[in-house]
Amino acid sequence: MKPKALFNWSSGKDSALALHKILQADQYEVATLFTSVNKEFQRISMHGVHVSLLEQQASLLGIPLIKMELPKEPSMEEYQEIMSKTMSEIQAQGITHSIFGDIFLEDLRKYREEQLNSIGMQAIFPLWKRDTSDLIQEFLQLGFKTIVTCVNGSYLDKSFAGRIIDQQFLDDLPDNIDPCGENGEFHTFTFDGPIFKSPVQFVIGETVKKTYPKPKVKPEDEEEEYIFWFCDLLPK
């Protein structure tokens, strides 16, 4: 009997490619997708994708979905409390492994492993340490299609939001930008590919600017903001 696993689904390209690899290897039973969403706005954290499109993805993947709803700006204590309760319910289903699409963020991997080890679960990273240029080419060659839903204005301008990732998009990226956006430069929504029964149906809405205050290192530091551009996707 294969170990039961949950798959940490962001809705984007890294998740889609990691899930494809896990399904192809057939070593785990992917019992559920797991996604954190903003309870107030009913959108996926950071990606900005509406829950209705997330649910459509899960339906077309044919895998059950668990949504962990978080308050708008949860404290670490609130986050840990909600996560602990959710993981207890997940473990009650006999799930022993947790799969992630992370590629090379060492601190994040260490945090995930420590948190899971503390409750007797194991973390799996099918894309770990792969060259991101090779990964994005493999993603495109497999027939996946993904659209940029969020752009970090510290790295890229507004024009990159709402673009489909193709070779032209990759050619247009500045040299200092990771082709998979692994440093948080951009986030995506994957709407077609070999793991989907049919394409996710949506229309492209407006692109909006959102700002978030940068944390002050010293009290005398000037107020600064992070700028993000979000391309809204609307269900058909």
C-alpha atoms as a PDB file:
ATOM      1  CA  MET A   1       0.000   0.000   0.000  1.00  0.00           C
ATOM      2  CA  LYS A   2       1.349   3.422  -0.985  1.00  0.00           C
ATOM      3  CA  PRO A   3       1.791   6.088   1.736  1.00  0.00           C
ATOM      4  CA  LYS A   4      -0.960   8.708   1.743  1.00  0.00           C
ATOM      5  CA  ALA A   5       0.182  12.262   1.085  1.00  0.00           C
ATOM      6  CA  LEU A   6      -1.248  15.740   0.966  1.00  0.00           C
ATOM      7  CA  PHE A   7      -0.034  18.032  -1.793  1.00  0.00           C
ATOM      8  CA  ASN A   8       0.611  21.692  -0.929  1.00  0.00           C
ATOM      9  CA  TRP A   9      -1.093  23.329  -3.900  1.00  0.00           C
ATOM     10  CA  SER A  10      -0.396  27.005  -4.618  1.00  0.00           C
ATOM     11  CA  SER A  11      -2.306  26.962  -7.951  1.00  0.00           C
ATOM     12  CA  GLY A  12       0.878  27.923  -9.822  1.00  0.00           C
ATOM     13  CA  LYS A  13       3.425  26.370 -12.138  1.00  0.00           C
ATOM     14  CA  ASP A  14       5.830  24.864  -9.579  1.00  0.00           C
ATOM     15  CA  SER A  15       2.957  23.069  -7.876  1.00  0.00           C
ATOM     16  CA  ALA A  16       1.669  21.786 -11.208  1.00  0.00           C
ATOM     17  CA  LEU A  17       5.039  20.415 -12.311  1.00  0.00           C
ATOM     18  CA  ALA A  18       5.747  18.875  -8.901  1.00  0.00           C
ATOM     19  CA  LEU A  19       2.330  17.205  -8.881  1.00  0.00           C
ATOM     20  CA  HIS A  20       2.919  15.865 -12.394  1.00  0.00           C
ATOM     21  CA  LYS A  21       6.198  14.287 -11.267  1.00  0.00           C
ATOM     22  CA  ILE A  22       4.618  12.770  -8.153  1.00  0.00           C
ATOM     23  CA  LEU A  23       1.746  11.271 -10.154  1.00  0.00           C
ATOM     24  CA  GLN A  24       4.155   9.885 -12.772  1.00  0.00           C
ATOM     25  CA  ALA A  25       6.398   8.281 -10.128  1.00  0.00           C
ATOM     26  CA  ASP A  26       3.325   6.694  -8.478  1.00  0.00           C
ATOM     27  CA  GLN A  27       5.044   6.225  -5.103  1.00  0.00           C
ATOM     28  CA  TYR A  28       2.418   8.080  -3.062  1.00  0.00           C
ATOM     29  CA  GLU A  29      -1.350   8.244  -2.967  1.00  0.00           C
ATOM     30  CA  VAL A  30      -2.158  11.947  -3.295  1.00  0.00           C
ATOM     31  CA  ALA A  31      -5.163  12.002  -0.991  1.00  0.00           C
ATOM     32  CA  THR A  32      -5.813  15.749  -1.014  1.00  0.00           C
ATOM     33  CA  LEU A  33      -4.649  19.147  -2.181  1.00  0.00           C
ATOM     34  CA  PHE A  34      -3.969  21.671   0.573  1.00  0.00           C
ATOM     35  CA  THR A  35      -4.159  25.447   0.041  1.00  0.00           C
ATOM     36  CA  SER A  36      -4.085  28.455   2.368  1.00  0.00           C
ATOM     37  CA  VAL A  37      -6.630  31.151   1.519  1.00  0.00           C
ATOM     38  CA  ASN A  38      -7.420  34.603   2.846  1.00  0.00           C
ATOM     39  CA  LYS A  39     -10.718  34.178   4.695  1.00  0.00           C
ATOM     40  CA  GLU A  40     -11.839  37.801   4.191  1.00  0.00           C
ATOM     41  CA  PHE A  41     -11.179  38.031   0.441  1.00  0.00           C
ATOM     42  CA  GLN A  42     -11.549  34.321  -0.428  1.00  0.00           C
ATOM     43  CA  ARG A  43      -8.345  34.370  -2.443  1.00  0.00           C
ATOM     44  CA  ILE A  44      -5.139  32.337  -2.392  1.00  0.00           C
ATOM     45  CA  SER A  45      -2.496  34.094  -0.323  1.00  0.00           C
ATOM     46  CA  MET A  46       0.103  35.916  -2.499  1.00  0.00           C
ATOM     47  CA  HIS A  47      -1.214  34.518  -5.789  1.00  0.00           C
ATOM     48  CA  GLY A  48      -4.416  36.545  -5.472  1.00  0.00           C
ATOM     49  CA  VAL A  49      -6.484  33.887  -7.260  1.00  0.00           C
ATOM     50  CA  HIS A  50     -10.150  33.590  -6.301  1.00  0.00           C
ATOM     51  CA  VAL A  51     -11.233  30.439  -4.473  1.00  0.00           C
ATOM     52  CA  SER A  52     -13.745  29.597  -7.228  1.00  0.00           C
ATOM     53  CA  LEU A  53     -10.868  29.093  -9.698  1.00  0.00           C
ATOM     54  CA  LEU A  54      -8.915  27.074  -7.142  1.00  0.00           C
ATOM     55  CA  GLU A  55     -11.943  24.813  -6.728  1.00  0.00           C
ATOM     56  CA  GLN A  56     -12.238  24.480 -10.510  1.00  0.00           C
ATOM     57  CA  GLN A  57      -8.576  23.420 -10.666  1.00  0.00           C
ATOM     58  CA  ALA A  58      -9.115  20.737  -8.018  1.00  0.00           C
ATOM     59  CA  SER A  59     -12.199  19.432  -9.809  1.00  0.00           C
ATOM     60  CA  LEU A  60     -10.306  19.167 -13.110  1.00  0.00           C
ATOM     61  CA  LEU A  61      -7.402  17.456 -11.356  1.00  0.00           C
ATOM     62  CA  GLY A  62      -9.809  14.987  -9.766  1.00  0.00           C
ATOM     63  CA  ILE A  63      -8.245  15.413  -6.315  1.00  0.00           C
ATOM     64  CA  PRO A  64     -10.094  16.539  -3.149  1.00  0.00           C
ATOM     65  CA  LEU A  65      -9.208  19.995  -1.800  1.00  0.00           C
ATOM     66  CA  ILE A  66      -8.678  21.189   1.780  1.00  0.00           C
ATOM     67  CA  LYS A  67      -8.739  24.984   2.189  1.00  0.00           C
ATOM     68  CA  MET A  68      -7.116  26.418   5.302  1.00  0.00           C
ATOM     69  CA  GLU A  69      -8.740  29.816   5.875  1.00  0.00           C
ATOM     70  CA  LEU A  70      -6.530  32.438   7.500  1.00  0.00           C
ATOM     71  CA  PRO A  71      -7.398  35.943   8.762  1.00  0.00           C
ATOM     72  CA  LYS A  72      -6.161  38.915   6.717  1.00  0.00           C
ATOM     73  CA  GLU A  73      -2.986  39.469   8.754  1.00  0.00           C
ATOM     74  CA  PRO A  74      -2.623  36.535  11.171  1.00  0.00           C
ATOM     75  CA  SER A  75      -0.130  36.679  14.010  1.00  0.00           C
ATOM     76  CA  MET A  76       2.332  33.805  14.228  1.00  0.00           C
ATOM     77  CA  GLU A  77       0.325  32.471  17.178  1.00  0.00           C
ATOM     78  CA  GLU A  78      -2.930  32.542  15.193  1.00  0.00           C
ATOM     79  CA  TYR A  79      -1.257  30.878  12.220  1.00  0.00           C
ATOM     80  CA  GLN A  80       0.249  28.117  14.343  1.00  0.00           C
ATOM     81  CA  GLU A  81      -3.080  27.465  16.090  1.00  0.00           C
ATOM     82  CA  ILE A  82      -5.021  27.171  12.804  1.00  0.00           C
ATOM     83  CA  MET A  83      -2.286  25.071  11.204  1.00  0.00           C
ATOM     84  CA  SER A  84      -2.080  22.714  14.190  1.00  0.00           C
ATOM     85  CA  LYS A  85      -5.839  22.100  14.163  1.00  0.00           C
ATOM     86  CA  THR A  86      -5.883  21.549  10.400  1.00  0.00           C
ATOM     87  CA  MET A  87      -2.920  19.154  10.436  1.00  0.00           C
ATOM     88  CA  SER A  88      -4.509  17.104  13.223  1.00  0.00           C
ATOM     89  CA  GLU A  89      -7.591  16.638  11.021  1.00  0.00           C
ATOM     90  CA  ILE A  90      -5.361  15.711   8.068  1.00  0.00           C
ATOM     91  CA  GLN A  91      -3.408  13.140  10.073  1.00  0.00           C
ATOM     92  CA  ALA A  92      -6.692  11.593  11.189  1.00  0.00           C
ATOM     93  CA  GLN A  93      -7.191  10.621   7.519  1.00  0.00           C
ATOM     94  CA  GLY A  94      -4.019   8.479   7.677  1.00  0.00           C
ATOM     95  CA  ILE A  95      -1.897  11.002   5.753  1.00  0.00           C
ATOM     96  CA  THR A  96       1.792  10.693   6.605  1.00  0.00           C
ATOM     97  CA  HIS A  97       3.586  12.747   3.932  1.00  0.00           C
ATOM     98  CA  SER A  98       3.410  16.371   2.759  1.00  0.00           C
ATOM     99  CA  ILE A  99       4.601  17.319  -0.747  1.00  0.00           C
ATOM    100  CA  PHE A 100       5.936  20.761  -1.735  1.00  0.00           C
ATOM    101  CA  GLY A 101       6.961  22.441  -4.998  1.00  0.00           C
ATOM    102  CA  ASP A 102       9.883  24.356  -3.444  1.00  0.00           C
ATOM    103  CA  ILE A 103      13.086  24.410  -5.479  1.00  0.00           C
ATOM    104  CA  PHE A 104      15.949  26.050  -3.580  1.00  0.00           C
ATOM    105  CA  LEU A 105      14.914  28.114  -0.537  1.00  0.00           C
ATOM    106  CA  GLU A 106      16.928  26.343   2.180  1.00  0.00           C
ATOM    107  CA  ASP A 107      15.425  28.180   5.177  1.00  0.00           C
ATOM    108  CA  LEU A 108      11.881  27.457   4.020  1.00  0.00           C
ATOM    109  CA  ARG A 109      12.643  23.772   3.502  1.00  0.00           C
ATOM    110  CA  LYS A 110      14.233  23.534   6.961  1.00  0.00           C
ATOM    111  CA  TYR A 111      11.173  25.188   8.545  1.00  0.00           C
ATOM    112  CA  ARG A 112       8.760  22.865   6.759  1.00  0.00           C
ATOM    113  CA  GLU A 113      10.737  19.759   7.703  1.00  0.00           C
ATOM    114  CA  GLU A 114      11.026  20.773  11.356  1.00  0.00           C
ATOM    115  CA  GLN A 115       7.319  21.533  11.643  1.00  0.00           C
ATOM    116  CA  LEU A 116       6.315  18.239  10.027  1.00  0.00           C
ATOM    117  CA  ASN A 117       8.873  16.144  11.923  1.00  0.00           C
ATOM    118  CA  SER A 118       7.472  17.517  15.177  1.00  0.00           C
ATOM    119  CA  ILE A 119       4.111  15.859  14.411  1.00  0.00           C
ATOM    120  CA  GLY A 120       5.540  12.690  12.872  1.00  0.00           C
ATOM    121  CA  MET A 121       5.067  13.582   9.201  1.00  0.00           C
ATOM    122  CA  GLN A 122       7.603  13.628   6.376  1.00  0.00           C
ATOM    123  CA  ALA A 123       8.205  16.373   3.780  1.00  0.00           C
ATOM    124  CA  ILE A 124       8.777  15.544   0.096  1.00  0.00           C
ATOM    125  CA  PHE A 125      10.358  17.959  -2.431  1.00  0.00           C
ATOM    126  CA  PRO A 126      10.237  16.528  -5.996  1.00  0.00           C
ATOM    127  CA  LEU A 127      11.754  19.645  -7.641  1.00  0.00           C
ATOM    128  CA  TRP A 128      14.491  20.273  -5.089  1.00  0.00           C
ATOM    129  CA  LYS A 129      17.766  21.728  -6.457  1.00  0.00           C
ATOM    130  CA  ARG A 130      16.700  21.368 -10.084  1.00  0.00           C
ATOM    131  CA  ASP A 131      17.973  24.091 -12.400  1.00  0.00           C
ATOM    132  CA  THR A 132      15.086  26.546 -12.775  1.00  0.00           C
ATOM    133  CA  SER A 133      15.851  27.245 -16.455  1.00  0.00           C
ATOM    134  CA  ASP A 134      15.558  23.511 -17.144  1.00  0.00           C
ATOM    135  CA  LEU A 135      12.375  23.259 -15.055  1.00  0.00           C
ATOM    136  CA  ILE A 136      10.500  26.016 -16.873  1.00  0.00           C
ATOM    137  CA  GLN A 137      11.474  24.553 -20.257  1.00  0.00           C
ATOM    138  CA  GLU A 138      10.271  21.109 -19.134  1.00  0.00           C
ATOM    139  CA  PHE A 139       7.043  22.707 -17.897  1.00  0.00           C
ATOM    140  CA  LEU A 140       6.362  24.296 -21.291  1.00  0.00           C
ATOM    141  CA  GLN A 141       7.385  21.222 -23.279  1.00  0.00           C
ATOM    142  CA  LEU A 142       4.927  19.077 -21.288  1.00  0.00           C
ATOM    143  CA  GLY A 143       2.138  21.342 -22.516  1.00  0.00           C
ATOM    144  CA  PHE A 144       1.389  23.223 -19.307  1.00  0.00           C
ATOM    145  CA  LYS A 145      -0.071  26.717 -19.600  1.00  0.00           C
ATOM    146  CA  THR A 146       0.196  29.309 -16.845  1.00  0.00           C
ATOM    147  CA  ILE A 147      -0.558  33.019 -16.431  1.00  0.00           C
ATOM    148  CA  VAL A 148       1.192  35.554 -14.185  1.00  0.00           C
ATOM    149  CA  THR A 149      -1.253  36.725 -11.507  1.00  0.00           C
ATOM    150  CA  CYS A 150       1.082  38.648  -9.201  1.00  0.00           C
ATOM    151  CA  VAL A 151       4.249  40.651  -9.836  1.00  0.00           C
ATOM    152  CA  ASN A 152       6.589  41.995  -7.162  1.00  0.00           C
ATOM    153  CA  GLY A 153       7.222  45.608  -8.177  1.00  0.00           C
ATOM    154  CA  SER A 154      10.685  45.482  -6.620  1.00  0.00           C
ATOM    155  CA  TYR A 155      11.714  43.163  -9.462  1.00  0.00           C
ATOM    156  CA  LEU A 156       9.347  43.641 -12.414  1.00  0.00           C
ATOM    157  CA  ASP A 157       6.996  46.279 -13.775  1.00  0.00           C
ATOM    158  CA  LYS A 158       3.234  46.115 -14.265  1.00  0.00           C
ATOM    159  CA  SER A 159       3.524  44.892 -17.874  1.00  0.00           C
ATOM    160  CA  PHE A 160       4.487  41.381 -16.744  1.00  0.00           C
ATOM    161  CA  ALA A 161       1.210  40.875 -14.854  1.00  0.00           C
ATOM    162  CA  GLY A 162      -1.417  39.004 -16.863  1.00  0.00           C
ATOM    163  CA  ARG A 163       1.068  37.507 -19.329  1.00  0.00           C
ATOM    164  CA  ILE A 164       1.090  33.851 -20.303  1.00  0.00           C
ATOM    165  CA  ILE A 165       4.494  32.301 -19.648  1.00  0.00           C
ATOM    166  CA  ASP A 166       6.039  31.300 -22.975  1.00  0.00           C
ATOM    167  CA  GLN A 167       9.470  31.640 -24.541  1.00  0.00           C
ATOM    168  CA  GLN A 168       8.894  35.318 -25.293  1.00  0.00           C
ATOM    169  CA  PHE A 169       8.041  35.975 -21.645  1.00  0.00           C
ATOM    170  CA  LEU A 170      11.248  34.220 -20.558  1.00  0.00           C
ATOM    171  CA  ASP A 171      13.300  36.179 -23.096  1.00  0.00           C
ATOM    172  CA  ASP A 172      11.828  39.437 -21.761  1.00  0.00           C
ATOM    173  CA  LEU A 173      12.805  38.744 -18.140  1.00  0.00           C
ATOM    174  CA  PRO A 174      15.752  40.812 -16.857  1.00  0.00           C
ATOM    175  CA  ASP A 175      18.937  38.808 -16.267  1.00  0.00           C
ATOM    176  CA  ASN A 176      18.610  39.024 -12.470  1.00  0.00           C
ATOM    177  CA  ILE A 177      15.149  37.412 -12.402  1.00  0.00           C
ATOM    178  CA  ASP A 178      14.788  33.696 -11.749  1.00  0.00           C
ATOM    179  CA  PRO A 179      12.851  32.090 -14.650  1.00  0.00           C
ATOM    180  CA  CYS A 180      10.611  30.297 -12.137  1.00  0.00           C
ATOM    181  CA  GLY A 181      10.199  33.384  -9.930  1.00  0.00           C
ATOM    182  CA  GLU A 182      11.638  31.337  -7.078  1.00  0.00           C
ATOM    183  CA  ASN A 183      12.736  34.466  -5.185  1.00  0.00           C
ATOM    184  CA  GLY A 184       9.170  35.791  -5.112  1.00  0.00           C
ATOM    185  CA  GLU A 185       9.475  37.890  -8.290  1.00  0.00           C
ATOM    186  CA  PHE A 186       6.131  36.659  -9.638  1.00  0.00           C
ATOM    187  CA  HIS A 187       3.367  34.127  -9.002  1.00  0.00           C
ATOM    188  CA  THR A 188       1.188  32.225 -11.449  1.00  0.00           C
ATOM    189  CA  PHE A 189      -2.051  30.342 -12.038  1.00  0.00           C
ATOM    190  CA  THR A 190      -1.784  27.130 -14.089  1.00  0.00           C
ATOM    191  CA  PHE A 191      -4.873  26.513 -16.188  1.00  0.00           C
ATOM    192  CA  ASP A 192      -3.990  23.664 -18.555  1.00  0.00           C
ATOM    193  CA  GLY A 193      -1.635  20.726 -18.931  1.00  0.00           C
ATOM    194  CA  PRO A 194      -1.296  16.945 -18.795  1.00  0.00           C
ATOM    195  CA  ILE A 195      -2.656  16.633 -15.244  1.00  0.00           C
ATOM    196  CA  PHE A 196      -5.942  18.439 -16.030  1.00  0.00           C
ATOM    197  CA  LYS A 197      -9.015  16.767 -17.527  1.00  0.00           C
ATOM    198  CA  SER A 198      -9.673  19.977 -19.500  1.00  0.00           C
ATOM    199  CA  PRO A 199      -8.535  23.622 -19.315  1.00  0.00           C
ATOM    200  CA  VAL A 200      -9.705  25.840 -16.451  1.00  0.00           C
ATOM    201  CA  GLN A 201     -12.140  28.421 -17.822  1.00  0.00           C
ATOM    202  CA  PHE A 202     -11.551  32.080 -16.925  1.00  0.00           C
ATOM    203  CA  VAL A 203     -11.325  35.581 -18.344  1.00  0.00           C
ATOM    204  CA  ILE A 204      -8.616  38.145 -17.612  1.00  0.00           C
ATOM    205  CA  GLY A 205      -9.789  41.088 -15.506  1.00  0.00           C
ATOM    206  CA  GLU A 206      -8.078  44.309 -14.513  1.00  0.00           C
ATOM    207  CA  THR A 207      -4.566  44.667 -13.087  1.00  0.00           C
ATOM    208  CA  VAL A 208      -4.499  46.453  -9.736  1.00  0.00           C
ATOM    209  CA  LYS A 209      -1.698  47.911  -7.637  1.00  0.00           C
ATOM    210  CA  LYS A 210      -1.441  47.021  -3.972  1.00  0.00           C
ATOM    211  CA  THR A 211       1.066  48.335  -1.446  1.00  0.00           C
ATOM    212  CA  TYR A 212       2.245  46.891   1.841  1.00  0.00           C
ATOM    213  CA  PRO A 213       4.401  48.678   4.460  1.00  0.00           C
ATOM    214  CA  LYS A 214       8.002  47.531   4.731  1.00  0.00           C
ATOM    215  CA  PRO A 215       8.978  46.633   8.294  1.00  0.00           C
ATOM    216  CA  LYS A 216      11.218  49.260   9.906  1.00  0.00           C
ATOM    217  CA  VAL A 217      14.642  48.078  11.016  1.00  0.00           C
ATOM    218  CA  LYS A 218      15.090  51.201  13.183  1.00  0.00           C
ATOM    219  CA  PRO A 219      12.386  53.518  14.611  1.00  0.00           C
ATOM    220  CA  GLU A 220      13.897  56.476  12.744  1.00  0.00           C
ATOM    221  CA  ASP A 221      13.712  54.733   9.346  1.00  0.00           C
ATOM    222  CA  GLU A 222      11.483  56.363   6.747  1.00  0.00           C
ATOM    223  CA  GLU A 223       8.170  54.774   5.801  1.00  0.00           C
ATOM    224  CA  GLU A 224       8.617  52.575   2.728  1.00  0.00           C
ATOM    225  CA  GLU A 225       6.268  50.298   0.823  1.00  0.00           C
ATOM    226  CA  TYR A 226       6.347  47.071  -1.127  1.00  0.00           C
ATOM    227  CA  ILE A 227       4.482  47.344  -4.425  1.00  0.00           C
ATOM    228  CA  PHE A 228       2.687  44.378  -6.008  1.00  0.00           C
ATOM    229  CA  TRP A 229       0.677  44.191  -9.227  1.00  0.00           C
ATOM    230  CA  PHE A 230      -2.212  41.718  -9.243  1.00  0.00           C
ATOM    231  CA  CYS A 231      -3.978  40.594 -12.431  1.00  0.00           C
ATOM    232  CA  ASP A 232      -7.493  39.522 -11.528  1.00  0.00           C
ATOM    233  CA  LEU A 233      -8.818  36.329 -13.109  1.00  0.00           C
ATOM    234  CA  LEU A 234     -12.576  35.920 -13.337  1.00  0.00           C
ATOM    235  CA  PRO A 235     -14.438  32.604 -13.705  1.00  0.00           C
ATOM    236  CA  LYS A 236     -16.340  32.192 -16.969  1.00  0.00           C
END
